[in-house]
C-alpha atoms as a PDB file:
ATOM      1  CA  MET A   1       0.215   0.009   0.181  1.00  0.00           C
ATOM      2  CA  GLY A   2       3.103   2.547   0.720  1.00  0.00           C
ATOM      3  CA  GLU A   3       4.444   1.605  -2.579  1.00  0.00           C
ATOM      4  CA  ASP A   4       1.908   3.515  -4.395  1.00  0.00           C
ATOM      5  CA  ASP A   5       1.855   6.678  -4.191  1.00  0.00           C
ATOM      6  CA  GLN A   6      -0.718   7.516  -6.622  1.00  0.00           C
ATOM      7  CA  CYS A   7      -3.849   5.960  -4.986  1.00  0.00           C
ATOM      8  CA  GLY A   8      -6.029   7.964  -3.198  1.00  0.00           C
ATOM      9  CA  VAL A   9      -7.820   4.964  -0.959  1.00  0.00           C
ATOM     10  CA  PHE A  10      -3.921   3.809   0.119  1.00  0.00           C
ATOM     11  CA  HIS A  11      -3.455   7.319   0.924  1.00  0.00           C
ATOM     12  CA  GLU A  12      -6.994   7.889   2.876  1.00  0.00           C
ATOM     13  CA  ALA A  13      -5.797   4.646   4.263  1.00  0.00           C
ATOM     14  CA  LEU A  14      -2.437   5.594   5.477  1.00  0.00           C
ATOM     15  CA  LEU A  15      -3.887   8.674   6.944  1.00  0.00           C
ATOM     16  CA  ALA A  16      -6.657   6.644   8.925  1.00  0.00           C
ATOM     17  CA  ALA A  17      -3.342   3.840   9.809  1.00  0.00           C
ATOM     18  CA  LEU A  18      -1.625   7.461  11.773  1.00  0.00           C
ATOM     19  CA  ASN A  19      -3.420   6.960  14.262  1.00  0.00           C
ATOM     20  CA  ASP A  20      -3.847   2.919  15.142  1.00  0.00           C
ATOM     21  CA  PRO A  21      -3.170   1.719  18.462  1.00  0.00           C
ATOM     22  CA  GLN A  22       0.140   0.125  17.287  1.00  0.00           C
ATOM     23  CA  VAL A  23       3.539   2.038  16.850  1.00  0.00           C
ATOM     24  CA  MET A  24       4.832   0.059  13.843  1.00  0.00           C
ATOM     25  CA  VAL A  25       1.475   0.632  12.454  1.00  0.00           C
ATOM     26  CA  ARG A  26       2.065   4.784  12.921  1.00  0.00           C
ATOM     27  CA  ARG A  27       5.842   4.175  11.727  1.00  0.00           C
ATOM     28  CA  ASN A  28       4.833   2.701   8.488  1.00  0.00           C
ATOM     29  CA  ALA A  29       1.955   4.645   8.005  1.00  0.00           C
ATOM     30  CA  ALA A  30       3.994   7.792   8.335  1.00  0.00           C
ATOM     31  CA  LEU A  31       7.217   6.482   6.284  1.00  0.00           C
ATOM     32  CA  ALA A  32       4.654   6.115   3.450  1.00  0.00           C
ATOM     33  CA  LEU A  33       2.836   9.497   3.541  1.00  0.00           C
ATOM     34  CA  ALA A  34       6.085  10.725   2.813  1.00  0.00           C
ATOM     35  CA  ARG A  35       5.725   8.903  -0.381  1.00  0.00           C
ATOM     36  CA  PHE A  36       2.917  10.699  -1.268  1.00  0.00           C
ATOM     37  CA  GLY A  37       4.683  14.243   0.038  1.00  0.00           C
ATOM     38  CA  ASP A  38       2.015  14.539   2.910  1.00  0.00           C
ATOM     39  CA  ALA A  39       3.903  15.632   5.565  1.00  0.00           C
ATOM     40  CA  ALA A  40       0.936  14.128   8.233  1.00  0.00           C
ATOM     41  CA  GLY A  41       3.077  11.692   9.579  1.00  0.00           C
ATOM     42  CA  ARG A  42       6.024  13.756  10.453  1.00  0.00           C
ATOM     43  CA  ALA A  43       4.902  13.738  14.709  1.00  0.00           C
ATOM     44  CA  GLU A  44       5.609   9.893  14.224  1.00  0.00           C
ATOM     45  CA  MET A  45       8.745  10.501  12.129  1.00  0.00           C
ATOM     46  CA  VAL A  46      10.255  12.824  14.578  1.00  0.00           C
ATOM     47  CA  ARG A  47       8.853  10.514  16.404  1.00  0.00           C
ATOM     48  CA  ILE A  48      10.980   7.669  15.844  1.00  0.00           C
ATOM     49  CA  LEU A  49      14.769   9.577  16.025  1.00  0.00           C
ATOM     50  CA  GLN A  50      13.492  11.006  18.643  1.00  0.00           C
ATOM     51  CA  ALA A  51      12.995   7.044  20.661  1.00  0.00           C
ATOM     52  CA  GLU A  52      14.563   4.990  18.176  1.00  0.00           C
ATOM     53  CA  ARG A  53      18.129   2.936  17.654  1.00  0.00           C
ATOM     54  CA  ASP A  54      17.367   0.819  15.162  1.00  0.00           C
ATOM     55  CA  GLU A  55      19.094   2.170  12.230  1.00  0.00           C
ATOM     56  CA  THR A  56      16.774   1.525   8.432  1.00  0.00           C
ATOM     57  CA  GLN A  57      13.803   2.599  11.022  1.00  0.00           C
ATOM     58  CA  ILE A  58      16.020   6.061  11.431  1.00  0.00           C
ATOM     59  CA  TRP A  59      17.461   6.264   8.552  1.00  0.00           C
ATOM     60  CA  GLY A  60      13.301   5.557   6.985  1.00  0.00           C
ATOM     61  CA  ALA A  61      12.232   8.743   8.841  1.00  0.00           C
ATOM     62  CA  LEU A  62      15.262  10.900   7.866  1.00  0.00           C
ATOM     63  CA  ARG A  63      14.751  10.471   4.472  1.00  0.00           C
ATOM     64  CA  GLY A  64      10.453  10.424   5.128  1.00  0.00           C
ATOM     65  CA  LEU A  65      11.550  13.960   6.638  1.00  0.00           C
ATOM     66  CA  TYR A  66      13.941  14.886   3.903  1.00  0.00           C
ATOM     67  CA  VAL A  67      10.549  15.026   1.458  1.00  0.00           C
ATOM     68  CA  VAL A  68       8.510  16.700   3.776  1.00  0.00           C
ATOM     69  CA  GLY A  69      10.273  17.648   6.703  1.00  0.00           C
ATOM     70  CA  GLN A  70       9.855  21.203   8.131  1.00  0.00           C
ATOM     71  CA  PRO A  71      12.856  23.689   9.846  1.00  0.00           C
ATOM     72  CA  GLU A  72      10.897  22.688  14.123  1.00  0.00           C
ATOM     73  CA  ASP A  73      12.190  19.273  12.744  1.00  0.00           C
ATOM     74  CA  LEU A  74      15.411  20.769  12.042  1.00  0.00           C
ATOM     75  CA  ALA A  75      16.646  19.855  16.595  1.00  0.00           C
ATOM     76  CA  ALA A  76      16.028  15.786  16.072  1.00  0.00           C
ATOM     77  CA  VAL A  77      17.272  15.729  12.184  1.00  0.00           C
ATOM     78  CA  SER A  78      20.607  18.016  13.466  1.00  0.00           C
ATOM     79  CA  GLU A  79      21.286  14.695  16.407  1.00  0.00           C
ATOM     80  CA  TYR A  80      21.967  12.750  13.914  1.00  0.00           C
ATOM     81  CA  GLN A  81      24.103  15.172  12.007  1.00  0.00           C
ATOM     82  CA  ARG A  82      26.704  15.576  14.757  1.00  0.00           C
ATOM     83  CA  GLN A  83      26.816  12.036  15.932  1.00  0.00           C
ATOM     84  CA  SER A  84      30.210  10.569  15.104  1.00  0.00           C
ATOM     85  CA  GLY A  85      30.785   6.881  17.176  1.00  0.00           C
ATOM     86  CA  ASN A  86      26.991   6.768  17.506  1.00  0.00           C
ATOM     87  CA  VAL A  87      25.678   5.958  13.804  1.00  0.00           C
ATOM     88  CA  SER A  88      26.907   5.186  10.740  1.00  0.00           C
ATOM     89  CA  THR A  89      27.934   7.509   7.837  1.00  0.00           C
ATOM     90  CA  ALA A  90      25.301   6.543   6.654  1.00  0.00           C
ATOM     91  CA  ILE A  91      22.709   8.082   8.591  1.00  0.00           C
ATOM     92  CA  ARG A  92      25.180  10.855   9.017  1.00  0.00           C
ATOM     93  CA  ALA A  93      24.842  11.410   5.659  1.00  0.00           C
ATOM     94  CA  GLN A  94      21.361  11.620   5.734  1.00  0.00           C
ATOM     95  CA  ALA A  95      21.050  13.778   8.030  1.00  0.00           C
ATOM     96  CA  GLU A  96      23.396  16.033   6.703  1.00  0.00           C
ATOM     97  CA  TYR A  97      21.073  15.848   3.034  1.00  0.00           C
ATOM     98  CA  THR A  98      17.177  16.126   5.282  1.00  0.00           C
ATOM     99  CA  VAL A  99      18.832  19.483   6.726  1.00  0.00           C
ATOM    100  CA  GLN A 100      19.712  20.201   4.292  1.00  0.00           C
ATOM    101  CA  ALA A 101      16.724  19.883   1.935  1.00  0.00           C
ATOM    102  CA  ILE A 102      14.541  21.072   4.813  1.00  0.00           C
ATOM    103  CA  ARG A 103      16.792  24.588   4.361  1.00  0.00           C
ATOM    104  CA  ALA A 104      16.218  25.117   1.559  1.00  0.00           C
ATOM    105  CA  ARG A 105      12.594  24.186   0.916  1.00  0.00           C
ATOM    106  CA  ALA A 106      12.003  27.113   4.229  1.00  0.00           C
ATOM    107  CA  ASP A 107      14.201  29.489   2.519  1.00  0.00           C
ATOM    108  CA  VAL A 108      11.965  28.676  -1.067  1.00  0.00           C
ATOM    109  CA  GLU A 109       8.717  29.564   0.950  1.00  0.00           C
ATOM    110  CA  ARG A 110      10.097  32.513   2.847  1.00  0.00           C
ATOM    111  CA  LEU A 111      10.924  34.064  -1.311  1.00  0.00           C
ATOM    112  CA  HIS A 112       7.372  33.387  -2.097  1.00  0.00           C
ATOM    113  CA  GLU A 113       5.930  35.208   1.383  1.00  0.00           C
END
């Protein structure tokens, strides 16, 4: 369902799944919604970064925020950009890309104000 980012029915189901009692369902829905360009799962992705130690989940959250993150998400993302021994080089690189993408989006939004 999360792979088809064109289907409205899937999109609606993913939005509903953000309220699921199971944490993994909410996390997967948040990550899939980012593929739709939908920022509804941003808070869940930030929670992943604040609580998770699994690099696959962390990378997914960073990648999702690369697409839909906002300046208020930078603190959570930057933690992974700064860590040296605790995370892999790939995670640090993705955090850097995510920070750059969020800042670029913010710059574009300021230009359009």
